[in-house]
Protein backbone atom coordinates (compact mmCIF):
# COMPACT_ATOMS: atom_id res chain seq x y z
CA MET A 1 2.18 -21.59 -11.82
CA ASP A 2 0.81 -25.34 -11.55
CA THR A 3 -2.73 -25.85 -12.98
CA VAL A 4 -5.55 -28.48 -12.45
CA ASP A 5 -6.56 -30.38 -15.44
CA PRO A 6 -10.52 -30.62 -14.53
CA SER A 7 -11.30 -33.44 -17.32
CA GLY A 8 -8.42 -35.29 -14.90
CA VAL A 9 -10.06 -35.03 -11.75
CA LEU A 10 -13.81 -33.91 -12.05
CA PRO A 11 -15.61 -37.12 -12.85
CA GLY A 12 -18.68 -38.77 -11.36
CA PRO A 13 -22.20 -38.42 -11.27
CA ALA A 14 -24.24 -34.76 -10.96
CA ILE A 15 -27.30 -36.44 -9.41
CA VAL A 16 -27.22 -35.10 -6.18
CA PRO A 17 -28.21 -37.58 -2.98
CA PRO A 18 -30.63 -35.78 -0.46
CA TRP A 19 -28.57 -34.08 2.75
CA ARG A 20 -30.05 -36.76 5.88
CA PRO A 21 -30.27 -34.11 8.56
CA PRO A 22 -30.05 -34.22 11.23
CA LEU A 23 -25.77 -34.06 10.51
CA PRO A 24 -22.99 -34.16 13.02
CA ALA A 25 -22.61 -31.46 14.83
CA PRO A 26 -18.70 -30.77 13.35
CA LEU A 27 -20.79 -30.50 10.22
CA ALA A 28 -24.00 -28.75 10.68
CA GLN A 29 -22.09 -25.95 12.95
CA PRO A 30 -18.34 -25.38 12.01
CA ARG A 31 -16.18 -23.53 14.31
CA SER A 32 -13.25 -21.91 14.40
CA ASN A 33 -10.87 -23.06 16.70
CA CYS A 34 -8.23 -20.12 16.71
CA ASP A 35 -7.18 -18.50 20.12
CA SER A 36 -4.48 -16.45 20.94
CA GLY A 37 -2.07 -18.74 20.19
CA CYS A 38 -2.53 -18.35 16.54
CA LEU A 39 -1.38 -14.72 16.82
CA PRO A 40 2.22 -13.84 16.51
CA VAL A 41 4.09 -12.92 19.70
CA SER A 42 4.07 -9.00 20.16
CA SER A 43 7.56 -8.16 19.45
CA PHE A 44 7.42 -9.47 16.14
CA HIS A 45 4.86 -7.00 14.38
CA ARG A 46 4.87 -3.17 14.48
CA ARG A 47 2.49 -0.88 16.03
CA VAL A 48 1.28 2.56 14.63
CA SER A 49 0.58 5.10 17.23
CA GLY A 50 -1.48 5.82 19.48
CA LEU A 51 -2.77 9.16 17.67
CA ARG A 52 -2.42 7.34 14.12
CA ARG A 53 -4.93 4.04 15.75
CA ALA A 54 -7.56 6.97 16.50
CA VAL A 55 -7.46 8.64 13.09
CA ARG A 56 -7.77 4.96 11.17
CA ALA A 57 -10.99 4.26 13.55
CA VAL A 58 -12.53 7.49 13.23
CA ALA A 59 -11.85 6.78 9.28
CA LEU A 60 -12.72 2.97 9.53
CA VAL A 61 -16.33 4.20 10.72
CA GLY A 62 -16.64 6.62 8.17
CA ALA A 63 -15.76 4.50 5.22
CA LEU A 64 -18.21 1.85 7.01
CA THR A 65 -21.27 4.06 7.13
CA SER A 66 -20.19 5.50 3.83
CA GLY A 67 -21.38 2.70 2.18
CA LEU A 68 -25.55 2.92 3.85
CA ALA A 69 -25.14 6.84 1.90
CA LEU A 70 -24.45 4.81 -1.01
CA LEU A 71 -27.39 2.70 -1.51
CA PRO A 72 -29.96 5.37 -2.22
CA PHE A 73 -28.11 5.86 -5.26
CA LEU A 74 -27.51 2.34 -6.34
CA PRO A 75 -30.71 1.61 -8.62
CA PHE A 76 -30.37 4.51 -10.62
CA LEU A 77 -27.01 2.97 -11.55
CA THR A 78 -25.91 0.67 -14.49
CA GLY A 79 -24.45 -2.92 -13.63
CA SER A 80 -20.58 -1.36 -14.09
CA GLY A 81 -21.95 1.61 -12.29
CA ARG A 82 -22.80 -0.35 -9.30
CA HIS A 83 -19.66 -2.67 -9.65
CA ALA A 84 -17.59 0.52 -9.32
CA ALA A 85 -19.50 1.38 -6.41
CA GLY A 86 -18.75 -1.55 -4.74
CA ARG A 87 -14.65 -1.54 -5.29
CA TRP A 88 -14.54 1.97 -4.13
CA TRP A 89 -16.41 0.84 -0.73
CA ALA A 90 -14.74 -1.55 -0.28
CA ARG A 91 -10.95 0.12 -1.27
CA ALA A 92 -12.28 2.72 0.86
CA VAL A 93 -12.68 0.71 3.61
CA LEU A 94 -8.85 -0.55 3.65
CA ALA A 95 -7.06 2.56 3.01
CA ALA A 96 -9.17 3.58 5.83
CA ALA A 97 -7.82 0.63 8.37
CA GLY A 98 -3.97 1.18 7.10
CA VAL A 99 -4.18 -2.15 4.79
CA ARG A 100 -2.47 -2.13 1.56
CA LEU A 101 -4.23 -4.01 -0.98
CA VAL A 102 -2.28 -6.46 -3.54
CA VAL A 103 -3.32 -8.97 -6.14
CA ARG A 104 -1.52 -11.50 -7.67
CA GLY A 105 -1.56 -15.19 -9.68
CA ALA A 106 -1.53 -16.90 -13.12
CA GLY A 107 -5.26 -16.42 -13.37
CA ALA A 108 -8.20 -13.60 -13.82
CA VAL A 109 -11.46 -13.40 -11.75
CA PRO A 110 -14.13 -13.58 -14.85
CA ARG A 111 -16.84 -11.29 -15.42
CA ARG A 112 -19.72 -13.25 -15.15
CA ARG A 113 -20.91 -16.67 -13.89
CA ALA A 114 -18.30 -17.72 -11.77
CA LEU A 115 -17.95 -19.27 -8.23
CA LEU A 116 -15.17 -17.53 -6.22
CA VAL A 117 -13.99 -20.42 -3.42
CA ALA A 118 -11.41 -19.14 -0.82
CA ASN A 119 -10.20 -19.65 1.87
CA HIS A 120 -11.65 -17.47 5.18
CA ASN A 121 -9.15 -15.97 7.78
CA SER A 122 -10.68 -12.24 8.86
CA TRP A 123 -13.14 -10.06 8.37
CA LEU A 124 -11.28 -8.20 6.15
CA ASP A 125 -11.69 -11.15 3.00
CA THR A 126 -15.02 -10.33 2.05
CA VAL A 127 -13.70 -6.47 1.97
CA ALA A 128 -10.67 -7.86 0.08
CA LEU A 129 -13.00 -10.25 -2.32
CA LEU A 130 -15.21 -7.32 -2.94
CA ALA A 131 -12.70 -4.90 -3.90
CA VAL A 132 -11.06 -7.01 -6.82
CA SER A 133 -14.48 -8.74 -8.12
CA PRO A 134 -18.05 -7.60 -7.85
CA ALA A 135 -19.31 -10.70 -6.68
CA ARG A 136 -21.90 -11.38 -4.46
CA MET A 137 -21.41 -13.19 -1.05
CA THR A 138 -22.18 -15.57 0.66
CA ALA A 139 -22.01 -15.11 4.64
CA LYS A 140 -22.54 -17.00 8.05
CA HIS A 141 -26.36 -16.30 9.36
CA ASP A 142 -24.85 -14.28 12.31
CA ILE A 143 -23.37 -11.14 10.24
CA ARG A 144 -26.98 -10.15 9.59
CA HIS A 145 -26.89 -8.94 13.52
CA TRP A 146 -23.53 -7.04 12.84
CA PRO A 147 -23.43 -3.43 13.16
CA VAL A 148 -23.66 -1.67 10.36
CA ILE A 149 -21.96 -4.30 8.23
CA GLY A 150 -25.02 -6.48 8.72
CA VAL A 151 -27.05 -3.96 7.35
CA LEU A 152 -25.00 -3.27 4.31
CA ALA A 153 -24.56 -7.40 3.79
CA THR A 154 -28.67 -7.47 3.87
CA LEU A 155 -29.44 -4.51 1.85
CA VAL A 156 -26.65 -5.74 -1.16
CA GLY A 157 -28.42 -8.91 -1.32
CA THR A 158 -25.93 -11.46 0.52
CA ILE A 159 -26.85 -15.05 0.80
CA PHE A 160 -26.84 -16.21 4.11
CA ILE A 161 -26.19 -19.78 5.34
CA ASP A 162 -27.59 -20.67 8.44
CA ARG A 163 -25.40 -23.30 10.00
CA ARG A 164 -27.46 -23.86 12.46
CA HIS A 165 -30.81 -25.56 10.30
CA PRO A 166 -28.64 -27.89 8.02
CA ARG A 167 -31.57 -28.86 6.31
CA MET A 168 -31.70 -25.57 4.76
CA LEU A 169 -28.73 -26.04 2.73
CA PRO A 170 -30.70 -27.49 -0.43
CA ALA A 171 -32.23 -24.37 -0.79
CA THR A 172 -29.50 -21.85 -0.01
CA VAL A 173 -27.45 -24.30 -2.69
CA ALA A 174 -30.63 -23.44 -4.60
CA ARG A 175 -30.23 -19.81 -4.31
CA ILE A 176 -26.31 -19.82 -5.53
CA ALA A 177 -27.25 -21.78 -8.26
CA ALA A 178 -29.84 -19.21 -9.52
CA ALA A 179 -27.80 -16.00 -9.13
CA LEU A 180 -24.97 -17.78 -10.93
CA ARG A 181 -27.39 -18.76 -14.17
CA GLU A 182 -28.20 -15.23 -14.03
CA ASP A 183 -24.28 -14.67 -14.85
CA GLY A 184 -23.56 -13.49 -11.47
CA LEU A 185 -20.46 -13.77 -10.09
CA VAL A 186 -20.94 -15.58 -6.30
CA ALA A 187 -18.37 -15.72 -3.86
CA VAL A 188 -18.05 -18.66 -0.59
CA PHE A 189 -16.06 -19.67 1.74
CA PRO A 190 -16.58 -23.41 1.90
CA ALA A 191 -14.71 -23.63 4.86
CA GLY A 192 -17.47 -22.49 6.72
CA THR A 193 -15.28 -21.01 9.78
CA THR A 194 -12.41 -18.73 9.50
CA GLY A 195 -9.21 -20.23 10.20
CA CYS A 196 -5.48 -19.01 11.46
CA GLY A 197 -4.04 -18.90 7.74
CA GLY A 198 -0.49 -19.57 6.67
CA ALA A 199 1.68 -17.80 8.80
CA GLY A 200 5.63 -19.17 8.83
CA GLY A 201 7.04 -15.88 9.82
CA PRO A 202 8.99 -16.06 13.46
CA GLY A 203 6.74 -15.29 16.47
CA HIS A 204 4.07 -17.78 15.02
CA ARG A 205 3.21 -19.80 17.93
CA ALA A 206 0.14 -22.52 16.25
CA ASP A 207 -1.85 -22.85 13.13
CA ASN A 208 -5.32 -24.14 13.54
CA SER A 209 -6.41 -23.94 9.73
CA LEU A 210 -5.95 -27.02 8.77
CA THR A 211 -8.19 -28.89 10.80
CA GLY A 212 -11.31 -28.27 8.39
CA ARG A 213 -12.02 -29.16 5.12
CA TRP A 214 -13.76 -27.34 2.12
CA ARG A 215 -17.25 -28.93 2.40
CA PRO A 216 -18.40 -29.78 -0.81
CA ALA A 217 -22.61 -28.73 -0.87
CA VAL A 218 -21.53 -25.35 -2.48
CA PHE A 219 -19.82 -26.37 -5.62
CA GLN A 220 -22.90 -28.27 -6.92
CA ALA A 221 -24.68 -24.92 -7.57
CA ALA A 222 -21.28 -24.55 -10.18
CA VAL A 223 -22.06 -27.87 -12.02
CA ASP A 224 -25.70 -27.21 -11.65
CA ALA A 225 -25.08 -23.85 -13.12
CA GLY A 226 -22.90 -24.85 -15.38
CA ALA A 227 -19.98 -21.63 -13.83
CA VAL A 228 -16.42 -21.88 -13.79
CA VAL A 229 -15.55 -22.04 -9.99
CA VAL A 230 -12.03 -19.58 -9.52
CA PRO A 231 -9.57 -20.20 -6.21
CA ILE A 232 -8.69 -17.78 -4.85
CA ARG A 233 -6.45 -17.37 -1.62
CA LEU A 234 -6.85 -14.73 0.91
CA SER A 235 -3.71 -13.98 3.08
CA TYR A 236 -2.05 -11.09 4.96
CA ARG A 237 1.47 -9.68 5.65
CA GLU A 238 3.12 -7.27 7.43
CA GLY A 239 5.43 -5.30 5.44
CA ALA A 240 5.67 -5.12 1.34
CA ASN A 241 7.99 -8.36 1.40
CA GLY A 242 7.10 -9.89 4.63
CA PRO A 243 6.17 -13.39 5.36
CA ASP A 244 2.18 -14.34 5.73
CA SER A 245 1.40 -13.00 9.15
CA THR A 246 -1.65 -14.08 11.44
CA ILE A 247 -2.14 -10.51 12.60
CA ALA A 248 -5.52 -10.47 10.86
CA THR A 249 -6.88 -13.41 11.82
CA PHE A 250 -10.38 -12.86 13.38
CA LEU A 251 -10.15 -15.76 16.88
CA SER A 252 -13.29 -17.30 17.91
CA ALA A 253 -13.51 -16.05 21.14
CA GLU A 254 -13.61 -12.50 20.50
CA SER A 255 -15.88 -9.38 18.63
CA LEU A 256 -15.39 -7.89 15.43
CA PHE A 257 -14.36 -4.72 17.52
CA ALA A 258 -11.33 -6.51 18.73
CA CYS A 259 -10.68 -8.02 15.39
CA ALA A 260 -10.39 -4.52 14.10
CA PHE A 261 -8.75 -2.33 16.47
CA ARG A 262 -5.86 -4.93 16.40
CA VAL A 263 -5.94 -4.61 12.23
CA ILE A 264 -5.66 -0.34 12.36
CA ALA A 265 -3.05 -0.89 14.79
CA VAL A 266 -0.56 -2.76 12.81
CA ARG A 267 2.17 -1.01 10.77
CA GLY A 268 2.34 -1.89 6.87
CA LEU A 269 -0.35 -4.84 6.55
CA THR A 270 -0.77 -5.43 3.30
CA ALA A 271 -4.06 -7.47 2.03
CA VAL A 272 -3.15 -10.30 -0.66
CA VAL A 273 -5.36 -11.96 -3.24
CA THR A 274 -3.86 -14.73 -5.32
CA VAL A 275 -6.14 -15.57 -8.00
CA GLU A 276 -5.83 -19.18 -9.52
CA PRO A 277 -6.74 -20.68 -12.81
CA ALA A 278 -10.05 -21.10 -12.91
CA LEU A 279 -11.59 -25.13 -13.03
CA HIS A 280 -14.02 -26.11 -15.66
CA PRO A 281 -16.26 -28.59 -14.20
CA ASP A 282 -18.04 -30.82 -16.57
CA LEU A 283 -22.01 -30.98 -16.40
CA ASP A 284 -21.51 -34.45 -14.71
CA ALA A 285 -18.57 -33.81 -12.18
CA ASP A 286 -18.85 -34.76 -8.32
CA ARG A 287 -18.93 -31.83 -6.51
CA LYS A 288 -16.86 -33.35 -3.58
CA VAL A 289 -13.49 -34.04 -5.87
CA LEU A 290 -14.72 -30.49 -7.45
CA ALA A 291 -13.83 -29.43 -3.25
CA ARG A 292 -10.86 -31.14 -3.13
CA ALA A 293 -9.19 -30.13 -6.60
CA ALA A 294 -9.97 -26.25 -5.50
CA GLU A 295 -9.06 -26.31 -2.11
CA GLY A 296 -5.93 -28.28 -3.23
CA VAL A 297 -5.03 -25.25 -5.70
CA VAL A 298 -5.44 -22.94 -2.62
CA ARG A 299 -3.98 -25.11 0.33
CA PRO A 300 -0.34 -26.12 -1.27
CA TYR A 301 0.99 -22.71 0.16
CA ARG A 302 0.78 -23.18 3.68
CA ARG A 303 2.34 -26.59 3.20
CA ARG A 304 5.42 -25.63 1.07
CA PRO A 305 8.51 -25.21 3.36
CA ALA A 306 10.45 -21.85 2.97
CA PRO A 307 13.48 -21.63 0.19
CA ALA A 308 17.13 -22.12 2.18
CA PRO A 309 18.60 -18.36 2.24
CA ALA A 310 21.41 -19.17 -0.40
CA ALA A 311 18.71 -20.17 -3.05
CA ALA A 312 16.46 -17.34 -1.90
CA ALA A 313 19.27 -14.66 -2.43
CA GLY A 314 18.65 -12.74 -5.81
CA ALA A 315 15.95 -14.80 -6.92
CA PRO A 316 13.59 -13.19 -9.22
CA ALA A 317 9.52 -13.37 -7.62
CA PRO A 318 7.86 -16.29 -9.28
CA VAL A 319 4.35 -13.92 -9.43
CA GLN A 320 4.39 -10.31 -10.24
CA ASP A 321 2.05 -7.98 -8.23
CA ARG A 322 -0.98 -6.59 -10.81
CA LEU A 323 -2.56 -4.47 -8.31
CA ASP A 324 -0.63 -2.81 -5.39
CA LEU A 325 -3.14 -0.27 -3.32
CA ALA A 326 -1.68 2.32 -0.79
CA ALA A 327 -3.24 2.57 2.17
């Protein structure tokens, strides 16, 4: 697997020039342009029965609300206990939705002082990250008002990013840096919004996920705190060996409930978390170069052409799955 040499790609000053609001609207308020054209045509994915959907819906509500029941006990748990409770809850949510979790890649998630940066496709992304790492999440301010999830996110210390007020961005970056200095793990989605993801399988009609670049501001927090940056690719596929699918994509004009019901209707949906080797920025690293380096590690997967059938037949898998949790 290709790696990035941080010493060769991260030059530049460490001084951060001040943000100069008002910023242009596309920068201040990123918006997803994913619509129904991003989804596979219905004939290319298998659905579960109506009874199974109902069971999954009830189980999913139960798993989500069980997080509220855990909150009173968290102050009495050790740090490792809280982390274990968070992983248990996240994996319970995935299992209730009928989603299998697979962790792959040549890298490993550090246990301290690391900024996890990932592409953003679905509401499941946050759950998948929590299932493999006890990271403190960042999220757009809108999520604070989501039912159940918003309450949980607030109570567990999620760092909310108010995209409506760009002048608050430096303070948000400072909070992320402070959390990293305390030897914490913080997970961010630098694109600022969801994209369609990388789907090359049959039935895929559009991919609008490459229109937005990763925003460099949050990377300054890693530079200031002396933290490593871990690029993570999140993808979803139907079946154990199927191609990447956009079926779990959160569309710009739909509700959380609509996306959740689409997810629980799919048979054999798998969330794949690919952890790449960490980048180690110097104290004088340029956040913009660091953002491009991390993005370049994650995004090439979507641009590589599929291998020819003759070459692919019988070829060994390039990366072995490290974790496979069946729903």
